[in-house]
């Protein structure tokens, strides 16, 4: 229900994971809360605030990998 609500509020079509091989994953131990990944996510699948650990809503992530490259600590990977 949470994912559907976030999807509706962000005006993003909700599509559950089906046959996806990889989605973004954030190593929370290395995340410094810079928000660069959040700013580049086209479907708002990354949640968190400045100077706080971020996390990925796996059901929303499309696997586009746009969040990987701006990360200064390389804590975003595809899994």
Protein backbone atom coordinates (compact mmCIF):
# COMPACT_ATOMS: atom_id res chain seq x y z
CA UNK A 1 0.00 0.00 0.00
CA UNK A 2 2.85 2.42 0.81
CA UNK A 3 4.42 2.00 -2.61
CA UNK A 4 1.12 2.62 -4.38
CA UNK A 5 0.55 5.79 -2.31
CA UNK A 6 4.05 7.14 -3.03
CA UNK A 7 3.57 6.33 -6.69
CA UNK A 8 0.25 8.20 -6.78
CA UNK A 9 1.60 11.24 -4.93
CA UNK A 10 4.61 11.46 -7.23
CA UNK A 11 2.45 10.92 -10.34
CA UNK A 12 4.57 7.94 -11.35
CA UNK A 13 2.99 4.80 -12.72
CA UNK A 14 3.44 1.95 -10.25
CA UNK A 15 4.67 -1.26 -11.80
CA UNK A 16 5.71 -4.10 -9.49
CA UNK A 17 9.01 -5.84 -10.10
CA UNK A 18 8.65 -8.45 -12.81
CA UNK A 19 11.57 -10.09 -14.55
CA UNK A 20 13.91 -7.28 -13.54
CA UNK A 21 17.42 -8.47 -12.97
CA UNK A 22 18.84 -5.49 -11.10
CA UNK A 23 17.69 -2.49 -9.11
CA UNK A 24 19.65 0.14 -7.21
CA UNK A 25 20.88 -0.67 -3.73
CA UNK A 26 22.50 1.77 -1.29
CA UNK A 27 25.18 0.65 1.15
CA UNK A 28 23.84 2.58 4.13
CA UNK A 29 27.13 2.33 6.02
CA UNK A 30 28.82 4.46 3.35
CA UNK A 31 25.96 6.86 2.54
CA UNK A 32 26.69 10.45 3.62
CA UNK A 33 23.26 11.83 2.74
CA UNK A 34 24.36 14.14 -0.07
CA UNK A 35 21.01 13.69 -1.95
CA UNK A 36 22.70 13.52 -5.38
CA UNK A 37 21.11 10.15 -6.12
CA UNK A 38 17.68 11.41 -5.05
CA UNK A 39 17.94 14.41 -7.36
CA UNK A 40 18.67 12.23 -10.41
CA UNK A 41 16.16 9.44 -9.84
CA UNK A 42 13.48 9.87 -12.54
CA UNK A 43 10.87 7.84 -10.63
CA UNK A 44 11.55 9.07 -7.07
CA UNK A 45 12.49 5.57 -5.92
CA UNK A 46 15.13 6.84 -3.47
CA UNK A 47 14.01 8.24 -0.14
CA UNK A 48 15.97 10.12 2.49
CA UNK A 49 16.95 13.63 3.52
CA UNK A 50 20.11 15.69 3.49
CA UNK A 51 22.76 14.36 5.89
CA UNK A 52 20.68 11.24 6.53
CA UNK A 53 20.96 7.75 5.10
CA UNK A 54 19.01 7.11 1.89
CA UNK A 55 17.29 3.93 0.82
CA UNK A 56 15.75 2.59 -2.39
CA UNK A 57 12.11 1.57 -2.74
CA UNK A 58 12.78 -1.55 -4.79
CA UNK A 59 9.26 -1.76 -6.24
CA UNK A 60 9.63 1.72 -7.75
CA UNK A 61 13.20 1.41 -9.04
CA UNK A 62 13.38 0.88 -12.81
CA UNK A 63 17.06 -0.09 -12.82
CA UNK A 64 18.12 2.88 -14.97
CA UNK A 65 21.35 3.32 -12.92
CA UNK A 66 21.28 7.14 -13.11
CA UNK A 67 21.86 7.27 -9.36
CA UNK A 68 25.21 5.45 -9.44
CA UNK A 69 27.56 7.92 -11.08
CA UNK A 70 26.97 11.10 -9.02
CA UNK A 71 27.54 9.29 -5.70
CA UNK A 72 30.74 10.66 -4.09
CA UNK A 73 31.19 7.57 -1.90
CA UNK A 74 30.29 4.92 -4.51
CA UNK A 75 27.70 3.46 -2.15
CA UNK A 76 25.04 2.97 -4.85
CA UNK A 77 25.26 -0.30 -6.77
CA UNK A 78 22.95 -2.38 -8.93
CA UNK A 79 21.85 -5.72 -7.50
